Amino acid sequence: MREGYDVPALAVRVTSTGRAPVTVQQWTIKASASGTSITPIADSIGPPLPKRLEPGETETWCLPLEHVHRLVYAAQVLKDTGNVDDIDIEVELGSGKIVRTPTSVKVRGVNA
């Protein structure tokens, strides 16, 4: 994704699809197999959180891929396997609801 960033990054795009506004509280990336996760705070690229989205509004947050690779590496060490490379992305809304990506993202090039 290219939107003025000069580092490889994992991005999450959130759209308010209902008739009422929603508030994005935080977003998390999770290694599918181990459940190891990180919730970007200081290293998240994008608007500050929490962020209110009006109906139809979309925002994007990114995390430098270096941090994603560290998460995958940690998950591989914890699971003692070299094939933990699927990442799920979750967004927590102000209502407490967690919205997950329908498919995992495959991260390549990380060796434990």
PDB file of N, CA and C in Angstrom:
ATOM      1  N   MET A   1       0.844  -1.178   0.000  1.00  0.00           N
ATOM      2  CA  MET A   1       0.000   0.000   0.000  1.00  0.00           C
ATOM      3  C   MET A   1       0.885   1.235   0.000  1.00  0.00           C
ATOM      4  N   ARG A   2       0.613   2.188  -0.816  1.00  0.00           N
ATOM      5  CA  ARG A   2       1.400   3.419  -0.901  1.00  0.00           C
ATOM      6  C   ARG A   2       0.502   4.615  -0.638  1.00  0.00           C
ATOM      7  N   GLU A   3       0.711   5.233   0.507  1.00  0.00           N
ATOM      8  CA  GLU A   3      -0.018   6.457   0.825  1.00  0.00           C
ATOM      9  C   GLU A   3       0.919   7.431   1.524  1.00  0.00           C
ATOM     10  N   GLY A   4       2.138   7.572   0.990  1.00  0.00           N
ATOM     11  CA  GLY A   4       3.084   8.481   1.590  1.00  0.00           C
ATOM     12  C   GLY A   4       4.002   7.835   2.611  1.00  0.00           C
ATOM     13  N   TYR A   5       3.884   6.537   2.849  1.00  0.00           N
ATOM     14  CA  TYR A   5       4.756   5.852   3.791  1.00  0.00           C
ATOM     15  C   TYR A   5       5.955   5.312   3.032  1.00  0.00           C
ATOM     16  N   ASP A   6       7.135   5.391   3.657  1.00  0.00           N
ATOM     17  CA  ASP A   6       8.327   4.912   2.980  1.00  0.00           C
ATOM     18  C   ASP A   6       8.884   3.638   3.595  1.00  0.00           C
ATOM     19  N   VAL A   7       8.105   2.963   4.420  1.00  0.00           N
ATOM     20  CA  VAL A   7       8.516   1.682   4.994  1.00  0.00           C
ATOM     21  C   VAL A   7       7.453   0.638   4.679  1.00  0.00           C
ATOM     22  N   PRO A   8       7.875  -0.626   4.461  1.00  0.00           N
ATOM     23  CA  PRO A   8       6.874  -1.684   4.281  1.00  0.00           C
ATOM     24  C   PRO A   8       6.000  -1.779   5.532  1.00  0.00           C
ATOM     25  N   ALA A   9       4.698  -1.943   5.332  1.00  0.00           N
ATOM     26  CA  ALA A   9       3.785  -1.938   6.473  1.00  0.00           C
ATOM     27  C   ALA A   9       2.593  -2.853   6.230  1.00  0.00           C
ATOM     28  N   LEU A  10       2.012  -3.316   7.320  1.00  0.00           N
ATOM     29  CA  LEU A  10       0.738  -4.026   7.301  1.00  0.00           C
ATOM     30  C   LEU A  10      -0.333  -2.980   7.572  1.00  0.00           C
ATOM     31  N   ALA A  11      -1.377  -2.956   6.748  1.00  0.00           N
ATOM     32  CA  ALA A  11      -2.418  -1.940   6.904  1.00  0.00           C
ATOM     33  C   ALA A  11      -3.763  -2.582   7.199  1.00  0.00           C
ATOM     34  N   VAL A  12      -4.553  -1.883   7.992  1.00  0.00           N
ATOM     35  CA  VAL A  12      -5.940  -2.269   8.226  1.00  0.00           C
ATOM     36  C   VAL A  12      -6.800  -1.070   7.842  1.00  0.00           C
ATOM     37  N   ARG A  13      -7.782  -1.335   6.999  1.00  0.00           N
ATOM     38  CA  ARG A  13      -8.712  -0.287   6.563  1.00  0.00           C
ATOM     39  C   ARG A  13     -10.068  -0.601   7.191  1.00  0.00           C
ATOM     40  N   VAL A  14     -10.614   0.374   7.889  1.00  0.00           N
ATOM     41  CA  VAL A  14     -11.880   0.195   8.596  1.00  0.00           C
ATOM     42  C   VAL A  14     -12.910   1.148   7.996  1.00  0.00           C
ATOM     43  N   THR A  15     -14.081   0.605   7.663  1.00  0.00           N
ATOM     44  CA  THR A  15     -15.174   1.403   7.115  1.00  0.00           C
ATOM     45  C   THR A  15     -16.404   1.243   7.995  1.00  0.00           C
ATOM     46  N   SER A  16     -17.035   2.347   8.323  1.00  0.00           N
ATOM     47  CA  SER A  16     -18.300   2.313   9.050  1.00  0.00           C
ATOM     48  C   SER A  16     -19.405   2.036   8.032  1.00  0.00           C
ATOM     49  N   THR A  17     -19.963   0.820   8.074  1.00  0.00           N
ATOM     50  CA  THR A  17     -20.935   0.408   7.057  1.00  0.00           C
ATOM     51  C   THR A  17     -22.386   0.564   7.485  1.00  0.00           C
ATOM     52  N   GLY A  18     -22.614   0.850   8.757  1.00  0.00           N
ATOM     53  CA  GLY A  18     -23.992   0.966   9.228  1.00  0.00           C
ATOM     54  C   GLY A  18     -24.546   2.373   9.066  1.00  0.00           C
ATOM     55  N   ARG A  19     -25.698   2.595   9.677  1.00  0.00           N
ATOM     56  CA  ARG A  19     -26.346   3.906   9.607  1.00  0.00           C
ATOM     57  C   ARG A  19     -25.928   4.818  10.746  1.00  0.00           C
ATOM     58  N   ALA A  20     -25.275   4.243  11.745  1.00  0.00           N
ATOM     59  CA  ALA A  20     -24.823   5.034  12.893  1.00  0.00           C
ATOM     60  C   ALA A  20     -23.294   5.089  12.903  1.00  0.00           C
ATOM     61  N   PRO A  21     -22.730   6.126  13.505  1.00  0.00           N
ATOM     62  CA  PRO A  21     -21.278   6.177  13.610  1.00  0.00           C
ATOM     63  C   PRO A  21     -20.757   5.076  14.521  1.00  0.00           C
ATOM     64  N   VAL A  22     -19.492   4.714  14.342  1.00  0.00           N
ATOM     65  CA  VAL A  22     -18.823   3.762  15.225  1.00  0.00           C
ATOM     66  C   VAL A  22     -17.519   4.396  15.685  1.00  0.00           C
ATOM     67  N   THR A  23     -17.026   3.913  16.816  1.00  0.00           N
ATOM     68  CA  THR A  23     -15.737   4.367  17.326  1.00  0.00           C
ATOM     69  C   THR A  23     -14.770   3.205  17.308  1.00  0.00           C
ATOM     70  N   VAL A  24     -13.632   3.392  16.660  1.00  0.00           N
ATOM     71  CA  VAL A  24     -12.562   2.394  16.671  1.00  0.00           C
ATOM     72  C   VAL A  24     -11.723   2.680  17.909  1.00  0.00           C
ATOM     73  N   GLN A  25     -11.701   1.728  18.845  1.00  0.00           N
ATOM     74  CA  GLN A  25     -10.943   1.886  20.088  1.00  0.00           C
ATOM     75  C   GLN A  25      -9.482   1.508  19.892  1.00  0.00           C
ATOM     76  N   GLN A  26      -9.271   0.357  19.253  1.00  0.00           N
ATOM     77  CA  GLN A  26      -7.923  -0.148  19.029  1.00  0.00           C
ATOM     78  C   GLN A  26      -7.952  -1.224  17.971  1.00  0.00           C
ATOM     79  N   TRP A  27      -6.780  -1.580  17.472  1.00  0.00           N
ATOM     80  CA  TRP A  27      -6.679  -2.688  16.527  1.00  0.00           C
ATOM     81  C   TRP A  27      -5.518  -3.562  16.952  1.00  0.00           C
ATOM     82  N   THR A  28      -5.641  -4.847  16.630  1.00  0.00           N
ATOM     83  CA  THR A  28      -4.696  -5.852  17.103  1.00  0.00           C
ATOM     84  C   THR A  28      -4.323  -6.771  15.960  1.00  0.00           C
ATOM     85  N   ILE A  29      -3.058  -7.186  15.930  1.00  0.00           N
ATOM     86  CA  ILE A  29      -2.670  -8.260  15.020  1.00  0.00           C
ATOM     87  C   ILE A  29      -2.324  -9.468  15.874  1.00  0.00           C
ATOM     88  N   LYS A  30      -2.747 -10.637  15.396  1.00  0.00           N
ATOM     89  CA  LYS A  30      -2.627 -11.862  16.180  1.00  0.00           C
ATOM     90  C   LYS A  30      -2.106 -12.983  15.292  1.00  0.00           C
ATOM     91  N   ALA A  31      -1.103 -13.704  15.803  1.00  0.00           N
ATOM     92  CA  ALA A  31      -0.623 -14.896  15.107  1.00  0.00           C
ATOM     93  C   ALA A  31      -1.692 -15.973  15.272  1.00  0.00           C
ATOM     94  N   SER A  32      -2.220 -16.450  14.152  1.00  0.00           N
ATOM     95  CA  SER A  32      -3.370 -17.351  14.174  1.00  0.00           C
ATOM     96  C   SER A  32      -3.128 -18.603  15.005  1.00  0.00           C
ATOM     97  N   ALA A  33      -1.991 -19.261  14.819  1.00  0.00           N
ATOM     98  CA  ALA A  33      -1.755 -20.562  15.456  1.00  0.00           C
ATOM     99  C   ALA A  33      -1.515 -20.462  16.960  1.00  0.00           C
ATOM    100  N   SER A  34      -0.799 -19.432  17.418  1.00  0.00           N
ATOM    101  CA  SER A  34      -0.431 -19.357  18.834  1.00  0.00           C
ATOM    102  C   SER A  34      -1.311 -18.423  19.637  1.00  0.00           C
ATOM    103  N   GLY A  35      -1.959 -17.475  18.973  1.00  0.00           N
ATOM    104  CA  GLY A  35      -2.744 -16.473  19.687  1.00  0.00           C
ATOM    105  C   GLY A  35      -1.901 -15.316  20.195  1.00  0.00           C
ATOM    106  N   THR A  36      -0.590 -15.369  19.964  1.00  0.00           N
ATOM    107  CA  THR A  36       0.293 -14.274  20.352  1.00  0.00           C
ATOM    108  C   THR A  36      -0.146 -13.018  19.606  1.00  0.00           C
ATOM    109  N   SER A  37      -0.244 -11.896  20.314  1.00  0.00           N
ATOM    110  CA  SER A  37      -0.776 -10.703  19.652  1.00  0.00           C
ATOM    111  C   SER A  37      -0.065  -9.445  20.121  1.00  0.00           C
ATOM    112  N   ILE A  38      -0.205  -8.399  19.307  1.00  0.00           N
ATOM    113  CA  ILE A  38       0.226  -7.060  19.715  1.00  0.00           C
ATOM    114  C   ILE A  38      -0.859  -6.074  19.313  1.00  0.00           C
ATOM    115  N   THR A  39      -1.032  -5.082  20.154  1.00  0.00           N
ATOM    116  CA  THR A  39      -1.956  -3.990  19.874  1.00  0.00           C
ATOM    117  C   THR A  39      -1.117  -2.732  19.699  1.00  0.00           C
ATOM    118  N   PRO A  40      -0.967  -2.269  18.460  1.00  0.00           N
ATOM    119  CA  PRO A  40      -0.122  -1.103  18.221  1.00  0.00           C
ATOM    120  C   PRO A  40      -0.662   0.137  18.931  1.00  0.00           C
ATOM    121  N   ILE A  41       0.242   0.848  19.571  1.00  0.00           N
ATOM    122  CA  ILE A  41      -0.141   2.114  20.197  1.00  0.00           C
ATOM    123  C   ILE A  41       0.776   3.194  19.627  1.00  0.00           C
ATOM    124  N   ALA A  42       1.991   3.278  20.115  1.00  0.00           N
ATOM    125  CA  ALA A  42       2.914   4.325  19.672  1.00  0.00           C
ATOM    126  C   ALA A  42       3.387   4.118  18.241  1.00  0.00           C
ATOM    127  N   ASP A  43       3.498   2.873  17.791  1.00  0.00           N
ATOM    128  CA  ASP A  43       4.038   2.593  16.462  1.00  0.00           C
ATOM    129  C   ASP A  43       2.981   2.540  15.378  1.00  0.00           C
ATOM    130  N   SER A  44       1.729   2.727  15.723  1.00  0.00           N
ATOM    131  CA  SER A  44       0.655   2.706  14.739  1.00  0.00           C
ATOM    132  C   SER A  44       0.714   3.982  13.902  1.00  0.00           C
ATOM    133  N   ILE A  45       0.633   3.812  12.590  1.00  0.00           N
ATOM    134  CA  ILE A  45       0.634   4.942  11.666  1.00  0.00           C
ATOM    135  C   ILE A  45      -0.825   5.186  11.267  1.00  0.00           C
ATOM    136  N   GLY A  46      -1.310   6.377  11.491  1.00  0.00           N
ATOM    137  CA  GLY A  46      -2.691   6.691  11.161  1.00  0.00           C
ATOM    138  C   GLY A  46      -3.274   7.639  12.184  1.00  0.00           C
ATOM    139  N   PRO A  47      -4.569   7.890  12.096  1.00  0.00           N
ATOM    140  CA  PRO A  47      -5.182   8.831  13.037  1.00  0.00           C
ATOM    141  C   PRO A  47      -5.127   8.303  14.467  1.00  0.00           C
ATOM    142  N   PRO A  48      -5.071   9.198  15.447  1.00  0.00           N
ATOM    143  CA  PRO A  48      -5.056   8.763  16.846  1.00  0.00           C
ATOM    144  C   PRO A  48      -6.325   7.995  17.196  1.00  0.00           C
ATOM    145  N   LEU A  49      -6.172   7.054  18.127  1.00  0.00           N
ATOM    146  CA  LEU A  49      -7.307   6.257  18.613  1.00  0.00           C
ATOM    147  C   LEU A  49      -7.648   6.695  20.023  1.00  0.00           C
ATOM    148  N   PRO A  50      -8.895   6.620  20.421  1.00  0.00           N
ATOM    149  CA  PRO A  50     -10.047   6.173  19.647  1.00  0.00           C
ATOM    150  C   PRO A  50     -10.388   7.165  18.533  1.00  0.00           C
ATOM    151  N   LYS A  51     -11.013   6.624  17.481  1.00  0.00           N
ATOM    152  CA  LYS A  51     -11.390   7.416  16.311  1.00  0.00           C
ATOM    153  C   LYS A  51     -12.840   7.129  15.961  1.00  0.00           C
ATOM    154  N   ARG A  52     -13.653   8.179  15.923  1.00  0.00           N
ATOM    155  CA  ARG A  52     -15.063   8.047  15.541  1.00  0.00           C
ATOM    156  C   ARG A  52     -15.168   8.088  14.019  1.00  0.00           C
ATOM    157  N   LEU A  53     -15.879   7.120  13.466  1.00  0.00           N
ATOM    158  CA  LEU A  53     -16.129   7.066  12.026  1.00  0.00           C
ATOM    159  C   LEU A  53     -17.609   7.285  11.770  1.00  0.00           C
ATOM    160  N   GLU A  54     -17.917   8.277  10.967  1.00  0.00           N
ATOM    161  CA  GLU A  54     -19.297   8.534  10.575  1.00  0.00           C
ATOM    162  C   GLU A  54     -19.721   7.479   9.549  1.00  0.00           C
ATOM    163  N   PRO A  55     -21.024   7.264   9.343  1.00  0.00           N
ATOM    164  CA  PRO A  55     -21.486   6.277   8.363  1.00  0.00           C
ATOM    165  C   PRO A  55     -20.828   6.509   6.994  1.00  0.00           C
ATOM    166  N   GLY A  56     -20.263   5.439   6.443  1.00  0.00           N
ATOM    167  CA  GLY A  56     -19.610   5.508   5.146  1.00  0.00           C
ATOM    168  C   GLY A  56     -18.160   5.961   5.194  1.00  0.00           C
ATOM    169  N   GLU A  57     -17.702   6.449   6.331  1.00  0.00           N
ATOM    170  CA  GLU A  57     -16.325   6.942   6.449  1.00  0.00           C
ATOM    171  C   GLU A  57     -15.345   5.778   6.598  1.00  0.00           C
ATOM    172  N   THR A  58     -14.157   5.936   6.018  1.00  0.00           N
ATOM    173  CA  THR A  58     -13.109   4.917   6.070  1.00  0.00           C
ATOM    174  C   THR A  58     -11.824   5.536   6.597  1.00  0.00           C
ATOM    175  N   GLU A  59     -11.112   4.796   7.422  1.00  0.00           N
ATOM    176  CA  GLU A  59      -9.787   5.208   7.904  1.00  0.00           C
ATOM    177  C   GLU A  59      -8.848   4.015   7.771  1.00  0.00           C
ATOM    178  N   THR A  60      -7.561   4.314   7.690  1.00  0.00           N
ATOM    179  CA  THR A  60      -6.540   3.272   7.562  1.00  0.00           C
ATOM    180  C   THR A  60      -5.485   3.470   8.637  1.00  0.00           C
ATOM    181  N   TRP A  61      -5.087   2.364   9.252  1.00  0.00           N
ATOM    182  CA  TRP A  61      -3.981   2.358  10.196  1.00  0.00           C
ATOM    183  C   TRP A  61      -2.951   1.362   9.692  1.00  0.00           C
ATOM    184  N   CYS A  62      -1.684   1.639   9.946  1.00  0.00           N
ATOM    185  CA  CYS A  62      -0.599   0.761   9.499  1.00  0.00           C
ATOM    186  C   CYS A  62       0.367   0.494  10.642  1.00  0.00           C
ATOM    187  N   LEU A  63       1.095  -0.610  10.510  1.00  0.00           N
ATOM    188  CA  LEU A  63       2.155  -0.971  11.436  1.00  0.00           C
ATOM    189  C   LEU A  63       3.349  -1.384  10.601  1.00  0.00           C
ATOM    190  N   PRO A  64       4.541  -0.808  10.858  1.00  0.00           N
ATOM    191  CA  PRO A  64       5.711  -1.217  10.098  1.00  0.00           C
ATOM    192  C   PRO A  64       5.880  -2.738  10.119  1.00  0.00           C
ATOM    193  N   LEU A  65       6.184  -3.305   8.968  1.00  0.00           N
ATOM    194  CA  LEU A  65       6.294  -4.756   8.816  1.00  0.00           C
ATOM    195  C   LEU A  65       7.342  -5.356   9.744  1.00  0.00           C
ATOM    196  N   GLU A  66       8.317  -4.564  10.134  1.00  0.00           N
ATOM    197  CA  GLU A  66       9.337  -5.028  11.076  1.00  0.00           C
ATOM    198  C   GLU A  66       8.686  -5.542  12.367  1.00  0.00           C
ATOM    199  N   HIS A  67       7.658  -4.842  12.849  1.00  0.00           N
ATOM    200  CA  HIS A  67       6.970  -5.250  14.080  1.00  0.00           C
ATOM    201  C   HIS A  67       6.152  -6.523  13.857  1.00  0.00           C
ATOM    202  N   VAL A  68       5.576  -6.643  12.676  1.00  0.00           N
ATOM    203  CA  VAL A  68       4.818  -7.848  12.335  1.00  0.00           C
ATOM    204  C   VAL A  68       5.762  -9.045  12.301  1.00  0.00           C
ATOM    205  N   HIS A  69       6.932  -8.874  11.719  1.00  0.00           N
ATOM    206  CA  HIS A  69       7.921  -9.965  11.686  1.00  0.00           C
ATOM    207  C   HIS A  69       8.344 -10.378  13.095  1.00  0.00           C
ATOM    208  N   ARG A  70       8.485  -9.407  13.993  1.00  0.00           N
ATOM    209  CA  ARG A  70       8.832  -9.732  15.390  1.00  0.00           C
ATOM    210  C   ARG A  70       7.732 -10.564  16.049  1.00  0.00           C
ATOM    211  N   LEU A  71       6.480 -10.204  15.777  1.00  0.00           N
ATOM    212  CA  LEU A  71       5.359 -10.973  16.320  1.00  0.00           C
ATOM    213  C   LEU A  71       5.390 -12.402  15.800  1.00  0.00           C
ATOM    214  N   VAL A  72       5.578 -12.572  14.496  1.00  0.00           N
ATOM    215  CA  VAL A  72       5.611 -13.912  13.902  1.00  0.00           C
ATOM    216  C   VAL A  72       6.772 -14.709  14.480  1.00  0.00           C
ATOM    217  N   TYR A  73       7.925 -14.083  14.639  1.00  0.00           N
ATOM    218  CA  TYR A  73       9.081 -14.764  15.212  1.00  0.00           C
ATOM    219  C   TYR A  73       8.760 -15.244  16.627  1.00  0.00           C
ATOM    220  N   ALA A  74       8.183 -14.364  17.448  1.00  0.00           N
ATOM    221  CA  ALA A  74       7.821 -14.747  18.816  1.00  0.00           C
ATOM    222  C   ALA A  74       6.824 -15.904  18.817  1.00  0.00           C
ATOM    223  N   ALA A  75       5.850 -15.861  17.924  1.00  0.00           N
ATOM    224  CA  ALA A  75       4.858 -16.938  17.840  1.00  0.00           C
ATOM    225  C   ALA A  75       5.519 -18.257  17.450  1.00  0.00           C
ATOM    226  N   GLN A  76       6.484 -18.191  16.536  1.00  0.00           N
ATOM    227  CA  GLN A  76       7.194 -19.405  16.123  1.00  0.00           C
ATOM    228  C   GLN A  76       7.965 -20.000  17.291  1.00  0.00           C
ATOM    229  N   VAL A  77       8.618 -19.155  18.069  1.00  0.00           N
ATOM    230  CA  VAL A  77       9.383 -19.629  19.220  1.00  0.00           C
ATOM    231  C   VAL A  77       8.444 -20.247  20.252  1.00  0.00           C
ATOM    232  N   LEU A  78       7.318 -19.584  20.514  1.00  0.00           N
ATOM    233  CA  LEU A  78       6.372 -20.093  21.510  1.00  0.00           C
ATOM    234  C   LEU A  78       5.735 -21.409  21.079  1.00  0.00           C
ATOM    235  N   LYS A  79       5.443 -21.557  19.796  1.00  0.00           N
ATOM    236  CA  LYS A  79       4.830 -22.783  19.287  1.00  0.00           C
ATOM    237  C   LYS A  79       5.870 -23.830  18.913  1.00  0.00           C
ATOM    238  N   ASP A  80       7.166 -23.453  18.946  1.00  0.00           N
ATOM    239  CA  ASP A  80       8.263 -24.348  18.594  1.00  0.00           C
ATOM    240  C   ASP A  80       8.060 -24.964  17.220  1.00  0.00           C
ATOM    241  N   THR A  81       7.687 -24.132  16.271  1.00  0.00           N
ATOM    242  CA  THR A  81       7.493 -24.584  14.899  1.00  0.00           C
ATOM    243  C   THR A  81       7.864 -23.449  13.954  1.00  0.00           C
ATOM    244  N   GLY A  82       8.228 -23.778  12.753  1.00  0.00           N
ATOM    245  CA  GLY A  82       8.645 -22.772  11.800  1.00  0.00           C
ATOM    246  C   GLY A  82       7.553 -22.326  10.852  1.00  0.00           C
ATOM    247  N   ASN A  83       6.313 -22.783  11.025  1.00  0.00           N
ATOM    248  CA  ASN A  83       5.275 -22.466  10.037  1.00  0.00           C
ATOM    249  C   ASN A  83       4.145 -21.600  10.584  1.00  0.00           C
ATOM    250  N   VAL A  84       4.430 -20.853  11.623  1.00  0.00           N
ATOM    251  CA  VAL A  84       3.421 -19.954  12.193  1.00  0.00           C
ATOM    252  C   VAL A  84       3.560 -18.613  11.494  1.00  0.00           C
ATOM    253  N   ASP A  85       2.837 -18.433  10.406  1.00  0.00           N
ATOM    254  CA  ASP A  85       2.999 -17.189   9.660  1.00  0.00           C
ATOM    255  C   ASP A  85       1.681 -16.593   9.197  1.00  0.00           C
ATOM    256  N   ASP A  86       0.580 -17.053   9.735  1.00  0.00           N
ATOM    257  CA  ASP A  86      -0.726 -16.477   9.421  1.00  0.00           C
ATOM    258  C   ASP A  86      -1.093 -15.445  10.482  1.00  0.00           C
ATOM    259  N   ILE A  87      -1.481 -14.262  10.033  1.00  0.00           N
ATOM    260  CA  ILE A  87      -1.830 -13.158  10.923  1.00  0.00           C
ATOM    261  C   ILE A  87      -3.308 -12.825  10.744  1.00  0.00           C
ATOM    262  N   ASP A  88      -4.015 -12.685  11.857  1.00  0.00           N
ATOM    263  CA  ASP A  88      -5.393 -12.198  11.849  1.00  0.00           C
ATOM    264  C   ASP A  88      -5.376 -10.764  12.376  1.00  0.00           C
ATOM    265  N   ILE A  89      -6.294  -9.956  11.893  1.00  0.00           N
ATOM    266  CA  ILE A  89      -6.401  -8.574  12.347  1.00  0.00           C
ATOM    267  C   ILE A  89      -7.772  -8.389  12.988  1.00  0.00           C
ATOM    268  N   GLU A  90      -7.769  -7.765  14.163  1.00  0.00           N
ATOM    269  CA  GLU A  90      -9.012  -7.501  14.893  1.00  0.00           C
ATOM    270  C   GLU A  90      -9.124  -6.007  15.172  1.00  0.00           C
ATOM    271  N   VAL A  91     -10.342  -5.509  15.105  1.00  0.00           N
ATOM    272  CA  VAL A  91     -10.623  -4.113  15.434  1.00  0.00           C
ATOM    273  C   VAL A  91     -11.652  -4.115  16.558  1.00  0.00           C
ATOM    274  N   GLU A  92     -11.333  -3.407  17.642  1.00  0.00           N
ATOM    275  CA  GLU A  92     -12.275  -3.295  18.755  1.00  0.00           C
ATOM    276  C   GLU A  92     -13.026  -1.973  18.633  1.00  0.00           C
ATOM    277  N   LEU A  93     -14.346  -2.079  18.637  1.00  0.00           N
ATOM    278  CA  LEU A  93     -15.201  -0.895  18.538  1.00  0.00           C
ATOM    279  C   LEU A  93     -15.556  -0.382  19.924  1.00  0.00           C
ATOM    280  N   GLY A  94     -16.035   0.837  19.985  1.00  0.00           N
ATOM    281  CA  GLY A  94     -16.415   1.443  21.254  1.00  0.00           C
ATOM    282  C   GLY A  94     -17.502   0.677  21.985  1.00  0.00           C
ATOM    283  N   SER A  95     -18.296  -0.078  21.239  1.00  0.00           N
ATOM    284  CA  SER A  95     -19.371  -0.882  21.842  1.00  0.00           C
ATOM    285  C   SER A  95     -18.826  -2.137  22.522  1.00  0.00           C
ATOM    286  N   GLY A  96     -17.529  -2.425  22.321  1.00  0.00           N
ATOM    287  CA  GLY A  96     -16.939  -3.647  22.847  1.00  0.00           C
ATOM    288  C   GLY A  96     -16.901  -4.767  21.821  1.00  0.00           C
ATOM    289  N   LYS A  97     -17.593  -4.582  20.714  1.00  0.00           N
ATOM    290  CA  LYS A  97     -17.613  -5.592  19.661  1.00  0.00           C
ATOM    291  C   LYS A  97     -16.233  -5.688  19.009  1.00  0.00           C
ATOM    292  N   ILE A  98     -15.813  -6.925  18.730  1.00  0.00           N
ATOM    293  CA  ILE A  98     -14.554  -7.193  18.038  1.00  0.00           C
ATOM    294  C   ILE A  98     -14.891  -7.632  16.617  1.00  0.00           C
ATOM    295  N   VAL A  99     -14.320  -6.967  15.637  1.00  0.00           N
ATOM    296  CA  VAL A  99     -14.511  -7.331  14.232  1.00  0.00           C
ATOM    297  C   VAL A  99     -13.194  -7.909  13.734  1.00  0.00           C
ATOM    298  N   ARG A 100     -13.262  -9.132  13.165  1.00  0.00           N
ATOM    299  CA  ARG A 100     -12.063  -9.818  12.689  1.00  0.00           C
ATOM    300  C   ARG A 100     -12.039  -9.889  11.171  1.00  0.00           C
ATOM    301  N   THR A 101     -10.839  -9.927  10.626  1.00  0.00           N
ATOM    302  CA  THR A 101     -10.709 -10.113   9.185  1.00  0.00           C
ATOM    303  C   THR A 101     -11.246 -11.488   8.818  1.00  0.00           C
ATOM    304  N   PRO A 102     -11.925 -11.603   7.670  1.00  0.00           N
ATOM    305  CA  PRO A 102     -12.486 -12.902   7.277  1.00  0.00           C
ATOM    306  C   PRO A 102     -11.417 -13.908   6.855  1.00  0.00           C
ATOM    307  N   THR A 103     -10.256 -13.423   6.443  1.00  0.00           N
ATOM    308  CA  THR A 103      -9.158 -14.315   6.074  1.00  0.00           C
ATOM    309  C   THR A 103      -7.877 -13.844   6.753  1.00  0.00           C
ATOM    310  N   SER A 104      -6.940 -14.776   6.899  1.00  0.00           N
ATOM    311  CA  SER A 104      -5.658 -14.441   7.492  1.00  0.00           C
ATOM    312  C   SER A 104      -4.720 -13.858   6.444  1.00  0.00           C
ATOM    313  N   VAL A 105      -3.743 -13.115   6.914  1.00  0.00           N
ATOM    314  CA  VAL A 105      -2.696 -12.567   6.066  1.00  0.00           C
ATOM    315  C   VAL A 105      -1.471 -13.434   6.259  1.00  0.00           C
ATOM    316  N   LYS A 106      -0.870 -13.898   5.173  1.00  0.00           N
ATOM    317  CA  LYS A 106       0.328 -14.731   5.248  1.00  0.00           C
ATOM    318  C   LYS A 106       1.557 -13.823   5.269  1.00  0.00           C
ATOM    319  N   VAL A 107       2.413 -14.005   6.279  1.00  0.00           N
ATOM    320  CA  VAL A 107       3.645 -13.217   6.415  1.00  0.00           C
ATOM    321  C   VAL A 107       4.818 -14.119   6.070  1.00  0.00           C
ATOM    322  N   ARG A 108       5.629 -13.692   5.135  1.00  0.00           N
ATOM    323  CA  ARG A 108       6.772 -14.470   4.649  1.00  0.00           C
ATOM    324  C   ARG A 108       8.090 -13.897   5.142  1.00  0.00           C
ATOM    325  N   GLY A 109       9.105 -14.756   5.122  1.00  0.00           N
ATOM    326  CA  GLY A 109      10.465 -14.305   5.355  1.00  0.00           C
ATOM    327  C   GLY A 109      10.875 -14.184   6.804  1.00  0.00           C
ATOM    328  N   VAL A 110      10.230 -14.931   7.712  1.00  0.00           N
ATOM    329  CA  VAL A 110      10.586 -14.896   9.116  1.00  0.00           C
ATOM    330  C   VAL A 110      11.015 -16.292   9.517  1.00  0.00           C
ATOM    331  N   ASN A 111      12.225 -16.405  10.049  1.00  0.00           N
ATOM    332  CA  ASN A 111      12.744 -17.709  10.490  1.00  0.00           C
ATOM    333  C   ASN A 111      13.113 -17.653  11.953  1.00  0.00           C
ATOM    334  N   ALA A 112      12.561 -18.603  12.710  1.00  0.00           N
ATOM    335  CA  ALA A 112      12.881 -18.672  14.147  1.00  0.00           C
ATOM    336  C   ALA A 112      14.151 -19.447  14.350  1.00  0.00           C
TER     337      ALA A 112
END
